[in-house]
Amino acid sequence: MSYYTQLLQCKLVIALAIAYHCMCYIHVLEKQIDLVNANFKKMKVKELKKILAIWSEDCKGCSEKSDFISKIESLLPKYAPEAHAARQAKTEL
């Protein structure tokens, strides 16, 4: 499979995920991230920025990794409500 074909497939997956707004998994930097079990503190800033880019969000004024994590966690109910609910249920236990 050519690079161009893989790129088109990746863009299609991202477009479909954005269209449904209820995804629990997203593809970031050629790997799938489980938003329910993801430990954002262990992720690279590049991956956190990519999540925001997939969601078409920016993080103006974000200079620390914790700023990006806070932004993603605040947007999780909007872009991945099922993942957000599952994360909330895990923290309540």
C-alpha atoms as a PDB file:
ATOM      1  CA  MET A   1       0.000   0.000   0.000  1.00  0.00           C
ATOM      2  CA  SER A   2       1.447   3.354  -0.963  1.00  0.00           C
ATOM      3  CA  TYR A   3       2.085   6.185   1.452  1.00  0.00           C
ATOM      4  CA  TYR A   4      -0.528   8.311  -0.322  1.00  0.00           C
ATOM      5  CA  THR A   5      -3.171   5.597   0.094  1.00  0.00           C
ATOM      6  CA  GLN A   6      -2.339   5.223   3.794  1.00  0.00           C
ATOM      7  CA  LEU A   7      -2.536   8.980   4.239  1.00  0.00           C
ATOM      8  CA  LEU A   8      -5.971   9.103   2.603  1.00  0.00           C
ATOM      9  CA  GLN A   9      -7.200   6.262   4.814  1.00  0.00           C
ATOM     10  CA  CYS A  10      -5.887   8.047   7.910  1.00  0.00           C
ATOM     11  CA  LYS A  11      -7.620  11.277   6.905  1.00  0.00           C
ATOM     12  CA  LEU A  12     -10.853   9.367   6.300  1.00  0.00           C
ATOM     13  CA  VAL A  13     -10.680   7.749   9.740  1.00  0.00           C
ATOM     14  CA  ILE A  14     -10.069  11.123  11.368  1.00  0.00           C
ATOM     15  CA  ALA A  15     -12.898  12.765   9.410  1.00  0.00           C
ATOM     16  CA  LEU A  16     -15.329  10.021  10.405  1.00  0.00           C
ATOM     17  CA  ALA A  17     -14.284  10.218  14.033  1.00  0.00           C
ATOM     18  CA  ILE A  18     -14.797  13.971  14.104  1.00  0.00           C
ATOM     19  CA  ALA A  19     -18.162  13.654  12.378  1.00  0.00           C
ATOM     20  CA  TYR A  20     -19.580  11.339  15.029  1.00  0.00           C
ATOM     21  CA  HIS A  21     -18.218  13.163  18.116  1.00  0.00           C
ATOM     22  CA  CYS A  22     -18.745  10.071  20.253  1.00  0.00           C
ATOM     23  CA  MET A  23     -15.517   8.262  19.690  1.00  0.00           C
ATOM     24  CA  CYS A  24     -13.647   6.499  22.427  1.00  0.00           C
ATOM     25  CA  TYR A  25     -10.619   5.814  20.252  1.00  0.00           C
ATOM     26  CA  ILE A  26      -8.654   8.136  18.039  1.00  0.00           C
ATOM     27  CA  HIS A  27      -5.601   7.664  15.840  1.00  0.00           C
ATOM     28  CA  VAL A  28      -2.694   9.872  16.807  1.00  0.00           C
ATOM     29  CA  LEU A  29       0.676   9.697  15.100  1.00  0.00           C
ATOM     30  CA  GLU A  30      -0.100   6.337  13.460  1.00  0.00           C
ATOM     31  CA  LYS A  31      -1.241   4.675  16.691  1.00  0.00           C
ATOM     32  CA  GLN A  32      -4.632   4.264  18.276  1.00  0.00           C
ATOM     33  CA  ILE A  33      -5.271   5.877  21.646  1.00  0.00           C
ATOM     34  CA  ASP A  34      -7.910   4.594  24.009  1.00  0.00           C
ATOM     35  CA  LEU A  35      -9.338   7.785  25.519  1.00  0.00           C
ATOM     36  CA  VAL A  36     -10.955   5.846  28.365  1.00  0.00           C
ATOM     37  CA  ASN A  37      -7.718   4.394  29.706  1.00  0.00           C
ATOM     38  CA  ALA A  38      -5.224   6.942  28.375  1.00  0.00           C
ATOM     39  CA  ASN A  39      -2.779   8.400  30.854  1.00  0.00           C
ATOM     40  CA  PHE A  40      -2.304  11.878  29.420  1.00  0.00           C
ATOM     41  CA  LYS A  41       0.570  12.570  31.823  1.00  0.00           C
ATOM     42  CA  LYS A  42       2.650   9.839  30.164  1.00  0.00           C
ATOM     43  CA  MET A  43       1.939  11.060  26.630  1.00  0.00           C
ATOM     44  CA  LYS A  44       4.250  13.322  24.689  1.00  0.00           C
ATOM     45  CA  VAL A  45       3.238  16.935  24.126  1.00  0.00           C
ATOM     46  CA  LYS A  46       3.268  16.220  20.379  1.00  0.00           C
ATOM     47  CA  GLU A  47       0.564  13.577  20.892  1.00  0.00           C
ATOM     48  CA  LEU A  48      -1.504  15.917  23.065  1.00  0.00           C
ATOM     49  CA  LYS A  49      -1.270  18.637  20.410  1.00  0.00           C
ATOM     50  CA  LYS A  50      -2.358  16.133  17.764  1.00  0.00           C
ATOM     51  CA  ILE A  51      -5.470  15.231  19.771  1.00  0.00           C
ATOM     52  CA  LEU A  52      -6.405  18.918  19.905  1.00  0.00           C
ATOM     53  CA  ALA A  53      -5.691  19.272  16.188  1.00  0.00           C
ATOM     54  CA  ILE A  54      -7.956  16.323  15.376  1.00  0.00           C
ATOM     55  CA  TRP A  55     -10.673  18.030  17.377  1.00  0.00           C
ATOM     56  CA  SER A  56      -9.939  21.326  15.543  1.00  0.00           C
ATOM     57  CA  GLU A  57      -9.137  23.007  18.837  1.00  0.00           C
ATOM     58  CA  ASP A  58      -6.137  25.073  19.782  1.00  0.00           C
ATOM     59  CA  CYS A  59      -4.584  25.766  23.123  1.00  0.00           C
ATOM     60  CA  LYS A  60      -3.648  29.415  23.105  1.00  0.00           C
ATOM     61  CA  GLY A  61      -1.384  30.263  25.990  1.00  0.00           C
ATOM     62  CA  CYS A  62      -0.492  26.640  26.680  1.00  0.00           C
ATOM     63  CA  SER A  63       3.163  26.448  27.545  1.00  0.00           C
ATOM     64  CA  GLU A  64       3.308  23.506  29.944  1.00  0.00           C
ATOM     65  CA  LYS A  65       2.295  19.908  29.384  1.00  0.00           C
ATOM     66  CA  SER A  66      -0.236  20.279  32.195  1.00  0.00           C
ATOM     67  CA  ASP A  67      -1.940  23.077  30.221  1.00  0.00           C
ATOM     68  CA  PHE A  68      -2.513  20.748  27.267  1.00  0.00           C
ATOM     69  CA  ILE A  69      -3.775  17.996  29.578  1.00  0.00           C
ATOM     70  CA  SER A  70      -6.238  20.383  31.244  1.00  0.00           C
ATOM     71  CA  LYS A  71      -7.510  21.551  27.854  1.00  0.00           C
ATOM     72  CA  ILE A  72      -8.025  17.972  26.620  1.00  0.00           C
ATOM     73  CA  GLU A  73      -9.782  16.937  29.814  1.00  0.00           C
ATOM     74  CA  SER A  74     -12.073  19.968  29.604  1.00  0.00           C
ATOM     75  CA  LEU A  75     -12.971  19.158  25.976  1.00  0.00           C
ATOM     76  CA  LEU A  76     -13.408  15.416  26.505  1.00  0.00           C
ATOM     77  CA  PRO A  77     -17.167  15.683  27.295  1.00  0.00           C
ATOM     78  CA  LYS A  78     -17.719  17.585  24.048  1.00  0.00           C
ATOM     79  CA  TYR A  79     -15.736  15.372  21.662  1.00  0.00           C
ATOM     80  CA  ALA A  80     -15.803  11.989  23.410  1.00  0.00           C
ATOM     81  CA  PRO A  81     -18.745  11.895  25.826  1.00  0.00           C
ATOM     82  CA  GLU A  82     -18.679   8.108  26.167  1.00  0.00           C
ATOM     83  CA  ALA A  83     -14.988   8.136  27.051  1.00  0.00           C
ATOM     84  CA  HIS A  84     -15.565  10.982  29.496  1.00  0.00           C
ATOM     85  CA  ALA A  85     -18.388   9.094  31.231  1.00  0.00           C
ATOM     86  CA  ALA A  86     -16.260   5.957  31.466  1.00  0.00           C
ATOM     87  CA  ARG A  87     -13.321   7.928  32.918  1.00  0.00           C
ATOM     88  CA  GLN A  88     -15.642   9.536  35.487  1.00  0.00           C
ATOM     89  CA  ALA A  89     -17.027   6.135  36.478  1.00  0.00           C
ATOM     90  CA  LYS A  90     -13.484   4.790  36.966  1.00  0.00           C
ATOM     91  CA  THR A  91     -12.498   7.691  39.243  1.00  0.00           C
ATOM     92  CA  GLU A  92     -15.619   7.302  41.383  1.00  0.00           C
ATOM     93  CA  LEU A  93     -14.712   3.707  42.241  1.00  0.00           C
END
